[in-house]
C-alpha atoms as a PDB file:
ATOM      1  CA  MET A   1       0.112  -0.088   0.070  1.00  0.00           C
ATOM      2  CA  SER A   2       2.411   2.912  -0.980  1.00  0.00           C
ATOM      3  CA  ASP A   3       0.418   4.397  -3.739  1.00  0.00           C
ATOM      4  CA  LYS A   4      -1.000   7.911  -3.402  1.00  0.00           C
ATOM      5  CA  MET A   5      -4.497   8.260  -3.250  1.00  0.00           C
ATOM      6  CA  SER A   6      -6.575  10.738  -5.437  1.00  0.00           C
ATOM      7  CA  GLU A   7      -7.829  13.820  -3.812  1.00  0.00           C
ATOM      8  CA  SER A   8     -11.386  12.751  -3.676  1.00  0.00           C
ATOM      9  CA  ALA A   9     -10.662   9.425  -2.048  1.00  0.00           C
ATOM     10  CA  LEU A  10      -7.979  11.063   0.381  1.00  0.00           C
ATOM     11  CA  GLN A  11     -10.807  13.370   1.333  1.00  0.00           C
ATOM     12  CA  ALA A  12     -13.189  10.568   1.949  1.00  0.00           C
ATOM     13  CA  LEU A  13     -10.858   8.519   4.015  1.00  0.00           C
ATOM     14  CA  LYS A  14     -10.143  11.724   6.091  1.00  0.00           C
ATOM     15  CA  ILE A  15     -13.972  12.171   6.667  1.00  0.00           C
ATOM     16  CA  ALA A  16     -14.433   8.467   7.625  1.00  0.00           C
ATOM     17  CA  PHE A  17     -11.349   8.643  10.013  1.00  0.00           C
ATOM     18  CA  THR A  18     -13.197  11.498  11.860  1.00  0.00           C
ATOM     19  CA  TYR A  19     -15.943   9.154  12.711  1.00  0.00           C
ATOM     20  CA  MET A  20     -13.795   6.152  13.640  1.00  0.00           C
ATOM     21  CA  PRO A  21     -12.902   5.681  17.526  1.00  0.00           C
ATOM     22  CA  LYS A  22      -9.770   6.590  18.690  1.00  0.00           C
ATOM     23  CA  ALA A  23      -7.331   3.658  19.449  1.00  0.00           C
ATOM     24  CA  ILE A  24      -7.176   4.469  23.144  1.00  0.00           C
ATOM     25  CA  GLU A  25     -11.034   4.208  23.316  1.00  0.00           C
ATOM     26  CA  VAL A  26     -11.012   0.614  21.728  1.00  0.00           C
ATOM     27  CA  THR A  27     -11.204  -1.911  24.436  1.00  0.00           C
ATOM     28  CA  LYS A  28     -12.204  -5.672  24.848  1.00  0.00           C
ATOM     29  CA  TYR A  29     -15.179  -4.334  27.193  1.00  0.00           C
ATOM     30  CA  GLU A  30     -16.453  -2.107  24.858  1.00  0.00           C
ATOM     31  CA  TYR A  31     -15.703  -4.013  21.533  1.00  0.00           C
ATOM     32  CA  GLY A  32     -15.669  -7.601  22.648  1.00  0.00           C
ATOM     33  CA  ASP A  33     -13.625 -10.196  21.068  1.00  0.00           C
ATOM     34  CA  ASN A  34     -13.179  -8.091  17.778  1.00  0.00           C
ATOM     35  CA  TYR A  35     -11.319  -5.252  19.537  1.00  0.00           C
ATOM     36  CA  GLN A  36      -8.224  -6.254  17.848  1.00  0.00           C
ATOM     37  CA  LYS A  37      -9.447  -6.274  14.441  1.00  0.00           C
ATOM     38  CA  THR A  38     -10.837  -2.774  15.010  1.00  0.00           C
ATOM     39  CA  LEU A  39      -7.423  -1.584  16.129  1.00  0.00           C
ATOM     40  CA  ASP A  40      -5.978  -3.253  13.157  1.00  0.00           C
ATOM     41  CA  HIS A  41      -8.614  -1.278  11.035  1.00  0.00           C
ATOM     42  CA  ILE A  42      -7.556   1.955  12.760  1.00  0.00           C
ATOM     43  CA  GLU A  43      -3.884   1.398  12.199  1.00  0.00           C
ATOM     44  CA  THR A  44      -4.488   0.738   8.362  1.00  0.00           C
ATOM     45  CA  VAL A  45      -6.327   3.880   7.901  1.00  0.00           C
ATOM     46  CA  ARG A  46      -3.535   5.852   9.794  1.00  0.00           C
ATOM     47  CA  GLU A  47      -0.953   4.276   7.694  1.00  0.00           C
ATOM     48  CA  MET A  48      -2.757   5.297   4.712  1.00  0.00           C
ATOM     49  CA  LEU A  49      -3.026   8.775   5.659  1.00  0.00           C
ATOM     50  CA  LEU A  50       0.763   8.955   6.648  1.00  0.00           C
ATOM     51  CA  ILE A  51       1.601   7.505   3.104  1.00  0.00           C
ATOM     52  CA  ASN A  52      -0.304  10.331   1.566  1.00  0.00           C
ATOM     53  CA  ASP A  53       1.649  13.006   3.868  1.00  0.00           C
ATOM     54  CA  ILE A  54      -1.532  13.665   6.286  1.00  0.00           C
ATOM     55  CA  ASP A  55      -0.909  13.840   9.797  1.00  0.00           C
ATOM     56  CA  PRO A  56      -3.618  11.724  11.500  1.00  0.00           C
ATOM     57  CA  GLU A  57      -3.613  14.037  14.623  1.00  0.00           C
ATOM     58  CA  GLU A  58      -4.340  17.027  12.203  1.00  0.00           C
ATOM     59  CA  VAL A  59      -7.561  15.354  10.253  1.00  0.00           C
ATOM     60  CA  TYR A  60     -10.269  16.298  12.707  1.00  0.00           C
ATOM     61  CA  GLY A  61      -8.969  19.840  12.520  1.00  0.00           C
ATOM     62  CA  ASP A  62      -9.006  19.970   8.744  1.00  0.00           C
ATOM     63  CA  ILE A  63     -12.550  18.491   8.456  1.00  0.00           C
ATOM     64  CA  ASN A  64     -14.223  20.401  11.057  1.00  0.00           C
ATOM     65  CA  PRO A  65     -12.152  23.444  11.582  1.00  0.00           C
ATOM     66  CA  GLU A  66     -15.225  25.291  13.267  1.00  0.00           C
ATOM     67  CA  SER A  67     -15.291  23.019  16.040  1.00  0.00           C
ATOM     68  CA  THR A  68     -11.621  22.600  16.758  1.00  0.00           C
ATOM     69  CA  PRO A  69      -9.979  24.544  19.452  1.00  0.00           C
ATOM     70  CA  ASN A  70      -7.088  26.922  18.840  1.00  0.00           C
ATOM     71  CA  SER A  71      -3.727  25.525  19.490  1.00  0.00           C
ATOM     72  CA  THR A  72      -2.048  27.249  22.705  1.00  0.00           C
ATOM     73  CA  TYR A  73       1.526  26.779  21.533  1.00  0.00           C
END
């Protein structure tokens, strides 16, 4: 998976990523026996964002700038 995505596909992935749970929120208690599969899916999406020069930590602010607090540093 080293190919760059088209802009429209990348935008769709960024939007979907904003609705995914954060990895720290995924527990066996909440997700049952499939929790590891969910973590693997999150990691796959993060890797694809990184391959396309997108910082996963900045995606939410890119997609929802009106509800993202300003940086304090």
